[in-house]
Amino acid sequence: MKKLRERWGIQNNFSIVVIFVVFAINGSLSARISVALLQLMGIHKSTIDWYLYYPLLIILVLPLYPFLLMVFGWLFGQSRFFFPFAKKMLAGIGLGFVFRKR
C-alpha cells in the first residue's frame, strides 16, 4: 500500500480503498451500460456472431469508461485523482480534444 500511496500521491489508505471501489463500480457499470446501448440498437448477443458483438461492445466501453470514471470519482470525492487519469485515457484513445483548452 505504501508504494501505491507514493506513486499515486495519496495521503492515506482509506483513499486507496475508495479509489479501488470507484474502479470496481465504474468497470461494472460501463460494461452494463454498453450492453444496454447495444440492445437499444437491436444488437443482441444471441442474434449476432461473437466476433462482431464483442468488438462493438469494446468500441462502446472505451469512450464511456473515462467519462463515468470522472463522474464516480467526483461523487466519491476523489476528483483530483480521477480527472487527470481519465483525461489521459481519453487522449490515449484519440478523444483528448474534449478537454483541450481554447
PDB file of N, CA and C in Angstrom:
ATOM      1  N   MET A   1       0.820  -1.198   0.000  1.00  0.00           N
ATOM      2  CA  MET A   1       0.000   0.000   0.000  1.00  0.00           C
ATOM      3  C   MET A   1       0.862   1.258   0.000  1.00  0.00           C
ATOM      4  N   LYS A   2       1.991   1.188   0.644  1.00  0.00           N
ATOM      5  CA  LYS A   2       2.848   2.364   0.722  1.00  0.00           C
ATOM      6  C   LYS A   2       3.333   2.784  -0.670  1.00  0.00           C
ATOM      7  N   LYS A   3       3.700   1.794  -1.493  1.00  0.00           N
ATOM      8  CA  LYS A   3       4.167   2.110  -2.846  1.00  0.00           C
ATOM      9  C   LYS A   3       3.062   2.743  -3.683  1.00  0.00           C
ATOM     10  N   LEU A   4       1.838   2.230  -3.545  1.00  0.00           N
ATOM     11  CA  LEU A   4       0.720   2.823  -4.277  1.00  0.00           C
ATOM     12  C   LEU A   4       0.464   4.257  -3.823  1.00  0.00           C
ATOM     13  N   ARG A   5       0.498   4.484  -2.514  1.00  0.00           N
ATOM     14  CA  ARG A   5       0.275   5.840  -1.992  1.00  0.00           C
ATOM     15  C   ARG A   5       1.321   6.797  -2.536  1.00  0.00           C
ATOM     16  N   GLU A   6       2.567   6.368  -2.573  1.00  0.00           N
ATOM     17  CA  GLU A   6       3.636   7.233  -3.087  1.00  0.00           C
ATOM     18  C   GLU A   6       3.482   7.465  -4.594  1.00  0.00           C
ATOM     19  N   ARG A   7       3.184   6.405  -5.329  1.00  0.00           N
ATOM     20  CA  ARG A   7       3.068   6.517  -6.780  1.00  0.00           C
ATOM     21  C   ARG A   7       1.888   7.398  -7.188  1.00  0.00           C
ATOM     22  N   TRP A   8       0.776   7.245  -6.497  1.00  0.00           N
ATOM     23  CA  TRP A   8      -0.428   7.981  -6.826  1.00  0.00           C
ATOM     24  C   TRP A   8      -0.538   9.308  -6.090  1.00  0.00           C
ATOM     25  N   GLY A   9       0.353   9.559  -5.153  1.00  0.00           N
ATOM     26  CA  GLY A   9       0.313  10.809  -4.398  1.00  0.00           C
ATOM     27  C   GLY A   9      -0.878  10.899  -3.459  1.00  0.00           C
ATOM     28  N   ILE A  10      -1.193   9.803  -2.810  1.00  0.00           N
ATOM     29  CA  ILE A  10      -2.348   9.721  -1.912  1.00  0.00           C
ATOM     30  C   ILE A  10      -1.867   9.708  -0.478  1.00  0.00           C
ATOM     31  N   GLN A  11      -2.634  10.335   0.381  1.00  0.00           N
ATOM     32  CA  GLN A  11      -2.209  10.519   1.772  1.00  0.00           C
ATOM     33  C   GLN A  11      -2.502   9.329   2.686  1.00  0.00           C
ATOM     34  N   ASN A  12      -3.621   8.637   2.493  1.00  0.00           N
ATOM     35  CA  ASN A  12      -3.985   7.578   3.445  1.00  0.00           C
ATOM     36  C   ASN A  12      -4.554   6.349   2.737  1.00  0.00           C
ATOM     37  N   ASN A  13      -4.667   5.267   3.508  1.00  0.00           N
ATOM     38  CA  ASN A  13      -5.154   4.007   2.957  1.00  0.00           C
ATOM     39  C   ASN A  13      -6.641   4.063   2.623  1.00  0.00           C
ATOM     40  N   PHE A  14      -7.400   4.866   3.346  1.00  0.00           N
ATOM     41  CA  PHE A  14      -8.832   4.993   3.066  1.00  0.00           C
ATOM     42  C   PHE A  14      -9.053   5.496   1.639  1.00  0.00           C
ATOM     43  N   SER A  15      -8.247   6.437   1.203  1.00  0.00           N
ATOM     44  CA  SER A  15      -8.378   6.959  -0.163  1.00  0.00           C
ATOM     45  C   SER A  15      -8.101   5.874  -1.198  1.00  0.00           C
ATOM     46  N   ILE A  16      -7.164   5.004  -0.909  1.00  0.00           N
ATOM     47  CA  ILE A  16      -6.872   3.896  -1.827  1.00  0.00           C
ATOM     48  C   ILE A  16      -8.074   2.960  -1.921  1.00  0.00           C
ATOM     49  N   VAL A  17      -8.700   2.669  -0.792  1.00  0.00           N
ATOM     50  CA  VAL A  17      -9.882   1.806  -0.788  1.00  0.00           C
ATOM     51  C   VAL A  17     -11.003   2.451  -1.600  1.00  0.00           C
ATOM     52  N   VAL A  18     -11.203   3.749  -1.415  1.00  0.00           N
ATOM     53  CA  VAL A  18     -12.237   4.467  -2.175  1.00  0.00           C
ATOM     54  C   VAL A  18     -11.924   4.413  -3.667  1.00  0.00           C
ATOM     55  N   ILE A  19     -10.677   4.580  -4.040  1.00  0.00           N
ATOM     56  CA  ILE A  19     -10.269   4.527  -5.448  1.00  0.00           C
ATOM     57  C   ILE A  19     -10.534   3.141  -6.033  1.00  0.00           C
ATOM     58  N   PHE A  20     -10.226   2.095  -5.287  1.00  0.00           N
ATOM     59  CA  PHE A  20     -10.499   0.739  -5.765  1.00  0.00           C
ATOM     60  C   PHE A  20     -12.005   0.508  -5.929  1.00  0.00           C
ATOM     61  N   VAL A  21     -12.804   1.034  -5.003  1.00  0.00           N
ATOM     62  CA  VAL A  21     -14.263   0.892  -5.100  1.00  0.00           C
ATOM     63  C   VAL A  21     -14.780   1.613  -6.343  1.00  0.00           C
ATOM     64  N   VAL A  22     -14.259   2.808  -6.603  1.00  0.00           N
ATOM     65  CA  VAL A  22     -14.673   3.564  -7.789  1.00  0.00           C
ATOM     66  C   VAL A  22     -14.312   2.796  -9.060  1.00  0.00           C
ATOM     67  N   PHE A  23     -13.112   2.234  -9.124  1.00  0.00           N
ATOM     68  CA  PHE A  23     -12.730   1.442 -10.302  1.00  0.00           C
ATOM     69  C   PHE A  23     -13.663   0.244 -10.481  1.00  0.00           C
ATOM     70  N   ALA A  24     -14.027  -0.421  -9.397  1.00  0.00           N
ATOM     71  CA  ALA A  24     -14.899  -1.591  -9.479  1.00  0.00           C
ATOM     72  C   ALA A  24     -16.296  -1.213  -9.960  1.00  0.00           C
ATOM     73  N   ILE A  25     -16.869  -0.178  -9.360  1.00  0.00           N
ATOM     74  CA  ILE A  25     -18.211   0.269  -9.765  1.00  0.00           C
ATOM     75  C   ILE A  25     -18.194   0.718 -11.215  1.00  0.00           C
ATOM     76  N   ASN A  26     -17.193   1.495 -11.569  1.00  0.00           N
ATOM     77  CA  ASN A  26     -17.114   2.056 -12.912  1.00  0.00           C
ATOM     78  C   ASN A  26     -16.967   0.977 -13.975  1.00  0.00           C
ATOM     79  N   GLY A  27     -16.133   0.009 -13.733  1.00  0.00           N
ATOM     80  CA  GLY A  27     -15.940  -1.064 -14.711  1.00  0.00           C
ATOM     81  C   GLY A  27     -17.211  -1.861 -14.947  1.00  0.00           C
ATOM     82  N   SER A  28     -17.881  -2.216 -13.873  1.00  0.00           N
ATOM     83  CA  SER A  28     -19.119  -2.985 -13.995  1.00  0.00           C
ATOM     84  C   SER A  28     -20.214  -2.172 -14.671  1.00  0.00           C
ATOM     85  N   LEU A  29     -20.372  -0.930 -14.255  1.00  0.00           N
ATOM     86  CA  LEU A  29     -21.446  -0.108 -14.795  1.00  0.00           C
ATOM     87  C   LEU A  29     -21.216   0.259 -16.262  1.00  0.00           C
ATOM     88  N   SER A  30     -19.990   0.557 -16.640  1.00  0.00           N
ATOM     89  CA  SER A  30     -19.735   0.906 -18.042  1.00  0.00           C
ATOM     90  C   SER A  30     -19.999  -0.288 -18.957  1.00  0.00           C
ATOM     91  N   ALA A  31     -19.693  -1.492 -18.501  1.00  0.00           N
ATOM     92  CA  ALA A  31     -19.988  -2.688 -19.300  1.00  0.00           C
ATOM     93  C   ALA A  31     -21.494  -2.901 -19.414  1.00  0.00           C
ATOM     94  N   ARG A  32     -22.205  -2.730 -18.320  1.00  0.00           N
ATOM     95  CA  ARG A  32     -23.663  -2.921 -18.351  1.00  0.00           C
ATOM     96  C   ARG A  32     -24.351  -1.871 -19.228  1.00  0.00           C
ATOM     97  N   ILE A  33     -23.899  -0.628 -19.142  1.00  0.00           N
ATOM     98  CA  ILE A  33     -24.487   0.425 -19.975  1.00  0.00           C
ATOM     99  C   ILE A  33     -24.215   0.151 -21.450  1.00  0.00           C
ATOM    100  N   SER A  34     -23.019  -0.321 -21.760  1.00  0.00           N
ATOM    101  CA  SER A  34     -22.683  -0.633 -23.153  1.00  0.00           C
ATOM    102  C   SER A  34     -23.548  -1.764 -23.697  1.00  0.00           C
ATOM    103  N   VAL A  35     -23.787  -2.775 -22.886  1.00  0.00           N
ATOM    104  CA  VAL A  35     -24.661  -3.879 -23.308  1.00  0.00           C
ATOM    105  C   VAL A  35     -26.076  -3.346 -23.534  1.00  0.00           C
ATOM    106  N   ALA A  36     -26.549  -2.482 -22.631  1.00  0.00           N
ATOM    107  CA  ALA A  36     -27.892  -1.909 -22.783  1.00  0.00           C
ATOM    108  C   ALA A  36     -27.988  -1.049 -24.048  1.00  0.00           C
ATOM    109  N   LEU A  37     -26.937  -0.291 -24.351  1.00  0.00           N
ATOM    110  CA  LEU A  37     -26.939   0.518 -25.575  1.00  0.00           C
ATOM    111  C   LEU A  37     -26.979  -0.358 -26.823  1.00  0.00           C
ATOM    112  N   LEU A  38     -26.243  -1.451 -26.800  1.00  0.00           N
ATOM    113  CA  LEU A  38     -26.285  -2.379 -27.940  1.00  0.00           C
ATOM    114  C   LEU A  38     -27.691  -2.953 -28.101  1.00  0.00           C
ATOM    115  N   GLN A  39     -28.321  -3.303 -26.992  1.00  0.00           N
ATOM    116  CA  GLN A  39     -29.675  -3.846 -27.061  1.00  0.00           C
ATOM    117  C   GLN A  39     -30.657  -2.805 -27.575  1.00  0.00           C
ATOM    118  N   LEU A  40     -30.469  -1.546 -27.179  1.00  0.00           N
ATOM    119  CA  LEU A  40     -31.319  -0.471 -27.696  1.00  0.00           C
ATOM    120  C   LEU A  40     -31.205  -0.343 -29.214  1.00  0.00           C
ATOM    121  N   MET A  41     -30.005  -0.609 -29.718  1.00  0.00           N
ATOM    122  CA  MET A  41     -29.783  -0.549 -31.166  1.00  0.00           C
ATOM    123  C   MET A  41     -30.237  -1.832 -31.869  1.00  0.00           C
ATOM    124  N   GLY A  42     -30.759  -2.787 -31.102  1.00  0.00           N
ATOM    125  CA  GLY A  42     -31.254  -4.030 -31.687  1.00  0.00           C
ATOM    126  C   GLY A  42     -30.177  -5.080 -31.886  1.00  0.00           C
ATOM    127  N   ILE A  43     -29.027  -4.878 -31.258  1.00  0.00           N
ATOM    128  CA  ILE A  43     -27.925  -5.836 -31.382  1.00  0.00           C
ATOM    129  C   ILE A  43     -27.871  -6.667 -30.100  1.00  0.00           C
ATOM    130  N   HIS A  44     -28.200  -7.945 -30.239  1.00  0.00           N
ATOM    131  CA  HIS A  44     -28.220  -8.842 -29.091  1.00  0.00           C
ATOM    132  C   HIS A  44     -27.155  -9.916 -29.271  1.00  0.00           C
ATOM    133  N   LYS A  45     -26.662 -10.392 -28.154  1.00  0.00           N
ATOM    134  CA  LYS A  45     -25.616 -11.413 -28.185  1.00  0.00           C
ATOM    135  C   LYS A  45     -26.088 -12.671 -28.929  1.00  0.00           C
ATOM    136  N   SER A  46     -27.364 -12.968 -28.840  1.00  0.00           N
ATOM    137  CA  SER A  46     -27.886 -14.186 -29.457  1.00  0.00           C
ATOM    138  C   SER A  46     -28.185 -14.021 -30.953  1.00  0.00           C
ATOM    139  N   THR A  47     -28.225 -12.780 -31.445  1.00  0.00           N
ATOM    140  CA  THR A  47     -28.599 -12.567 -32.841  1.00  0.00           C
ATOM    141  C   THR A  47     -27.430 -12.187 -33.742  1.00  0.00           C
ATOM    142  N   ILE A  48     -26.264 -12.047 -33.163  1.00  0.00           N
ATOM    143  CA  ILE A  48     -25.095 -11.636 -33.946  1.00  0.00           C
ATOM    144  C   ILE A  48     -23.914 -12.518 -33.545  1.00  0.00           C
ATOM    145  N   ASP A  49     -23.023 -12.747 -34.462  1.00  0.00           N
ATOM    146  CA  ASP A  49     -21.847 -13.573 -34.171  1.00  0.00           C
ATOM    147  C   ASP A  49     -20.964 -12.890 -33.133  1.00  0.00           C
ATOM    148  N   TRP A  50     -20.286 -13.709 -32.338  1.00  0.00           N
ATOM    149  CA  TRP A  50     -19.469 -13.183 -31.237  1.00  0.00           C
ATOM    150  C   TRP A  50     -18.348 -12.293 -31.741  1.00  0.00           C
ATOM    151  N   TYR A  51     -17.781 -12.601 -32.898  1.00  0.00           N
ATOM    152  CA  TYR A  51     -16.652 -11.821 -33.408  1.00  0.00           C
ATOM    153  C   TYR A  51     -17.084 -10.440 -33.915  1.00  0.00           C
ATOM    154  N   LEU A  52     -18.361 -10.200 -34.034  1.00  0.00           N
ATOM    155  CA  LEU A  52     -18.875  -8.864 -34.330  1.00  0.00           C
ATOM    156  C   LEU A  52     -19.385  -8.178 -33.060  1.00  0.00           C
ATOM    157  N   TYR A  53     -20.015  -8.961 -32.178  1.00  0.00           N
ATOM    158  CA  TYR A  53     -20.628  -8.418 -30.965  1.00  0.00           C
ATOM    159  C   TYR A  53     -19.584  -7.824 -30.010  1.00  0.00           C
ATOM    160  N   TYR A  54     -18.540  -8.567 -29.712  1.00  0.00           N
ATOM    161  CA  TYR A  54     -17.566  -8.110 -28.720  1.00  0.00           C
ATOM    162  C   TYR A  54     -16.741  -6.901 -29.174  1.00  0.00           C
ATOM    163  N   PRO A  55     -16.321  -6.816 -30.425  1.00  0.00           N
ATOM    164  CA  PRO A  55     -15.673  -5.565 -30.840  1.00  0.00           C
ATOM    165  C   PRO A  55     -16.600  -4.345 -30.734  1.00  0.00           C
ATOM    166  N   LEU A  56     -17.881  -4.525 -31.072  1.00  0.00           N
ATOM    167  CA  LEU A  56     -18.836  -3.429 -30.907  1.00  0.00           C
ATOM    168  C   LEU A  56     -18.969  -3.031 -29.439  1.00  0.00           C
ATOM    169  N   LEU A  57     -19.001  -4.020 -28.571  1.00  0.00           N
ATOM    170  CA  LEU A  57     -19.079  -3.763 -27.134  1.00  0.00           C
ATOM    171  C   LEU A  57     -17.856  -2.997 -26.649  1.00  0.00           C
ATOM    172  N   ILE A  58     -16.693  -3.387 -27.098  1.00  0.00           N
ATOM    173  CA  ILE A  58     -15.455  -2.702 -26.700  1.00  0.00           C
ATOM    174  C   ILE A  58     -15.428  -1.276 -27.235  1.00  0.00           C
ATOM    175  N   ILE A  59     -15.918  -1.090 -28.460  1.00  0.00           N
ATOM    176  CA  ILE A  59     -15.962   0.254 -29.037  1.00  0.00           C
ATOM    177  C   ILE A  59     -16.857   1.170 -28.204  1.00  0.00           C
ATOM    178  N   LEU A  60     -17.911   0.638 -27.638  1.00  0.00           N
ATOM    179  CA  LEU A  60     -18.785   1.435 -26.772  1.00  0.00           C
ATOM    180  C   LEU A  60     -18.182   1.669 -25.389  1.00  0.00           C
ATOM    181  N   VAL A  61     -17.523   0.661 -24.842  1.00  0.00           N
ATOM    182  CA  VAL A  61     -16.969   0.768 -23.487  1.00  0.00           C
ATOM    183  C   VAL A  61     -15.805   1.758 -23.443  1.00  0.00           C
ATOM    184  N   LEU A  62     -14.959   1.751 -24.451  1.00  0.00           N
ATOM    185  CA  LEU A  62     -13.744   2.575 -24.404  1.00  0.00           C
ATOM    186  C   LEU A  62     -13.997   4.057 -24.150  1.00  0.00           C
ATOM    187  N   PRO A  63     -14.873   4.735 -24.850  1.00  0.00           N
ATOM    188  CA  PRO A  63     -15.082   6.145 -24.530  1.00  0.00           C
ATOM    189  C   PRO A  63     -15.977   6.363 -23.304  1.00  0.00           C
ATOM    190  N   LEU A  64     -16.846   5.414 -23.009  1.00  0.00           N
ATOM    191  CA  LEU A  64     -17.754   5.560 -21.879  1.00  0.00           C
ATOM    192  C   LEU A  64     -17.023   5.456 -20.541  1.00  0.00           C
ATOM    193  N   TYR A  65     -16.052   4.574 -20.459  1.00  0.00           N
ATOM    194  CA  TYR A  65     -15.336   4.303 -19.210  1.00  0.00           C
ATOM    195  C   TYR A  65     -14.697   5.558 -18.589  1.00  0.00           C
ATOM    196  N   PRO A  66     -13.913   6.339 -19.325  1.00  0.00           N
ATOM    197  CA  PRO A  66     -13.293   7.513 -18.685  1.00  0.00           C
ATOM    198  C   PRO A  66     -14.300   8.574 -18.244  1.00  0.00           C
ATOM    199  N   PHE A  67     -15.383   8.742 -19.004  1.00  0.00           N
ATOM    200  CA  PHE A  67     -16.385   9.724 -18.597  1.00  0.00           C
ATOM    201  C   PHE A  67     -17.065   9.302 -17.297  1.00  0.00           C
ATOM    202  N   LEU A  68     -17.424   8.027 -17.206  1.00  0.00           N
ATOM    203  CA  LEU A  68     -18.016   7.537 -15.968  1.00  0.00           C
ATOM    204  C   LEU A  68     -17.011   7.575 -14.820  1.00  0.00           C
ATOM    205  N   LEU A  69     -15.753   7.361 -15.135  1.00  0.00           N
ATOM    206  CA  LEU A  69     -14.716   7.418 -14.112  1.00  0.00           C
ATOM    207  C   LEU A  69     -14.650   8.812 -13.474  1.00  0.00           C
ATOM    208  N   MET A  70     -14.787   9.832 -14.292  1.00  0.00           N
ATOM    209  CA  MET A  70     -14.784  11.186 -13.752  1.00  0.00           C
ATOM    210  C   MET A  70     -16.026  11.447 -12.906  1.00  0.00           C
ATOM    211  N   VAL A  71     -17.168  10.945 -13.340  1.00  0.00           N
ATOM    212  CA  VAL A  71     -18.403  11.144 -12.580  1.00  0.00           C
ATOM    213  C   VAL A  71     -18.317  10.459 -11.223  1.00  0.00           C
ATOM    214  N   PHE A  72     -17.929   9.188 -11.214  1.00  0.00           N
ATOM    215  CA  PHE A  72     -17.859   8.467  -9.948  1.00  0.00           C
ATOM    216  C   PHE A  72     -16.702   8.952  -9.079  1.00  0.00           C
ATOM    217  N   GLY A  73     -15.616   9.371  -9.704  1.00  0.00           N
ATOM    218  CA  GLY A  73     -14.528   9.964  -8.925  1.00  0.00           C
ATOM    219  C   GLY A  73     -14.984  11.222  -8.210  1.00  0.00           C
ATOM    220  N   TRP A  74     -15.775  12.028  -8.903  1.00  0.00           N
ATOM    221  CA  TRP A  74     -16.309  13.243  -8.291  1.00  0.00           C
ATOM    222  C   TRP A  74     -17.304  12.905  -7.181  1.00  0.00           C
ATOM    223  N   LEU A  75     -18.191  11.937  -7.435  1.00  0.00           N
ATOM    224  CA  LEU A  75     -19.188  11.549  -6.430  1.00  0.00           C
ATOM    225  C   LEU A  75     -18.546  11.010  -5.148  1.00  0.00           C
ATOM    226  N   PHE A  76     -17.425  10.324  -5.303  1.00  0.00           N
ATOM    227  CA  PHE A  76     -16.745   9.745  -4.146  1.00  0.00           C
ATOM    228  C   PHE A  76     -15.657  10.665  -3.586  1.00  0.00           C
ATOM    229  N   GLY A  77     -15.575  11.874  -4.098  1.00  0.00           N
ATOM    230  CA  GLY A  77     -14.635  12.852  -3.556  1.00  0.00           C
ATOM    231  C   GLY A  77     -13.186  12.642  -3.946  1.00  0.00           C
ATOM    232  N   GLN A  78     -12.950  11.972  -5.040  1.00  0.00           N
ATOM    233  CA  GLN A  78     -11.589  11.690  -5.489  1.00  0.00           C
ATOM    234  C   GLN A  78     -11.318  12.280  -6.870  1.00  0.00           C
ATOM    235  N   SER A  79     -11.914  13.420  -7.157  1.00  0.00           N
ATOM    236  CA  SER A  79     -11.767  14.001  -8.498  1.00  0.00           C
ATOM    237  C   SER A  79     -10.322  14.423  -8.788  1.00  0.00           C
ATOM    238  N   ARG A  80      -9.568  14.790  -7.768  1.00  0.00           N
ATOM    239  CA  ARG A  80      -8.160  15.160  -8.004  1.00  0.00           C
ATOM    240  C   ARG A  80      -7.360  13.993  -8.572  1.00  0.00           C
ATOM    241  N   PHE A  81      -7.750  12.794  -8.219  1.00  0.00           N
ATOM    242  CA  PHE A  81      -7.068  11.608  -8.733  1.00  0.00           C
ATOM    243  C   PHE A  81      -7.628  11.199 -10.097  1.00  0.00           C
ATOM    244  N   PHE A  82      -8.955  11.179 -10.230  1.00  0.00           N
ATOM    245  CA  PHE A  82      -9.574  10.587 -11.408  1.00  0.00           C
ATOM    246  C   PHE A  82      -9.632  11.499 -12.628  1.00  0.00           C
ATOM    247  N   PHE A  83      -9.746  12.803 -12.460  1.00  0.00           N
ATOM    248  CA  PHE A  83      -9.832  13.678 -13.630  1.00  0.00           C
ATOM    249  C   PHE A  83      -8.573  13.586 -14.501  1.00  0.00           C
ATOM    250  N   PRO A  84      -7.378  13.747 -13.948  1.00  0.00           N
ATOM    251  CA  PRO A  84      -6.186  13.592 -14.811  1.00  0.00           C
ATOM    252  C   PRO A  84      -6.059  12.180 -15.396  1.00  0.00           C
ATOM    253  N   PHE A  85      -6.433  11.186 -14.612  1.00  0.00           N
ATOM    254  CA  PHE A  85      -6.380   9.793 -15.061  1.00  0.00           C
ATOM    255  C   PHE A  85      -7.299   9.604 -16.272  1.00  0.00           C
ATOM    256  N   ALA A  86      -8.529  10.097 -16.173  1.00  0.00           N
ATOM    257  CA  ALA A  86      -9.499   9.950 -17.266  1.00  0.00           C
ATOM    258  C   ALA A  86      -9.087  10.771 -18.487  1.00  0.00           C
ATOM    259  N   LYS A  87      -8.565  11.967 -18.271  1.00  0.00           N
ATOM    260  CA  LYS A  87      -8.108  12.798 -19.390  1.00  0.00           C
ATOM    261  C   LYS A  87      -7.001  12.091 -20.167  1.00  0.00           C
ATOM    262  N   LYS A  88      -6.104  11.450 -19.437  1.00  0.00           N
ATOM    263  CA  LYS A  88      -5.016  10.713 -20.081  1.00  0.00           C
ATOM    264  C   LYS A  88      -5.560   9.534 -20.891  1.00  0.00           C
ATOM    265  N   MET A  89      -6.580   8.862 -20.345  1.00  0.00           N
ATOM    266  CA  MET A  89      -7.201   7.746 -21.069  1.00  0.00           C
ATOM    267  C   MET A  89      -7.875   8.236 -22.341  1.00  0.00           C
ATOM    268  N   LEU A  90      -8.599   9.350 -22.249  1.00  0.00           N
ATOM    269  CA  LEU A  90      -9.278   9.892 -23.420  1.00  0.00           C
ATOM    270  C   LEU A  90      -8.282  10.324 -24.493  1.00  0.00           C
ATOM    271  N   ALA A  91      -7.188  10.920 -24.071  1.00  0.00           N
ATOM    272  CA  ALA A  91      -6.155  11.311 -25.034  1.00  0.00           C
ATOM    273  C   ALA A  91      -5.552  10.073 -25.699  1.00  0.00           C
ATOM    274  N   GLY A  92      -5.422   8.998 -24.943  1.00  0.00           N
ATOM    275  CA  GLY A  92      -4.864   7.765 -25.481  1.00  0.00           C
ATOM    276  C   GLY A  92      -5.719   7.109 -26.538  1.00  0.00           C
ATOM    277  N   ILE A  93      -7.044   7.306 -26.461  1.00  0.00           N
ATOM    278  CA  ILE A  93      -7.921   6.709 -27.475  1.00  0.00           C
ATOM    279  C   ILE A  93      -8.343   7.723 -28.533  1.00  0.00           C
ATOM    280  N   GLY A  94      -7.684   8.883 -28.517  1.00  0.00           N
ATOM    281  CA  GLY A  94      -7.920   9.867 -29.556  1.00  0.00           C
ATOM    282  C   GLY A  94      -9.066  10.837 -29.280  1.00  0.00           C
ATOM    283  N   LEU A  95      -9.542  10.883 -28.049  1.00  0.00           N
ATOM    284  CA  LEU A  95     -10.615  11.803 -27.691  1.00  0.00           C
ATOM    285  C   LEU A  95     -10.116  12.918 -26.772  1.00  0.00           C
ATOM    286  N   GLY A  96      -8.846  13.208 -26.844  1.00  0.00           N
ATOM    287  CA  GLY A  96      -8.259  14.246 -25.995  1.00  0.00           C
ATOM    288  C   GLY A  96      -8.765  15.636 -26.310  1.00  0.00           C
ATOM    289  N   PHE A  97      -9.334  15.833 -27.491  1.00  0.00           N
ATOM    290  CA  PHE A  97      -9.837  17.142 -27.862  1.00  0.00           C
ATOM    291  C   PHE A  97     -10.995  17.592 -26.972  1.00  0.00           C
ATOM    292  N   VAL A  98     -11.618  16.676 -26.267  1.00  0.00           N
ATOM    293  CA  VAL A  98     -12.764  17.013 -25.414  1.00  0.00           C
ATOM    294  C   VAL A  98     -12.362  17.986 -24.315  1.00  0.00           C
ATOM    295  N   PHE A  99     -11.132  17.885 -23.813  1.00  0.00           N
ATOM    296  CA  PHE A  99     -10.699  18.712 -22.694  1.00  0.00           C
ATOM    297  C   PHE A  99      -9.616  19.714 -23.083  1.00  0.00           C
ATOM    298  N   ARG A 100      -9.406  19.911 -24.357  1.00  0.00           N
ATOM    299  CA  ARG A 100      -8.376  20.848 -24.801  1.00  0.00           C
ATOM    300  C   ARG A 100      -8.823  22.266 -24.512  1.00  0.00           C
ATOM    301  N   LYS A 101      -7.895  23.081 -23.980  1.00  0.00           N
ATOM    302  CA  LYS A 101      -8.205  24.483 -23.718  1.00  0.00           C
ATOM    303  C   LYS A 101      -8.178  25.262 -25.029  1.00  0.00           C
ATOM    304  N   ARG A 102      -9.014  26.247 -25.124  1.00  0.00           N
ATOM    305  CA  ARG A 102      -9.105  27.051 -26.348  1.00  0.00           C
ATOM    306  C   ARG A 102      -8.424  28.354 -26.156  1.00  0.00           C
TER     307      ARG A 102
END
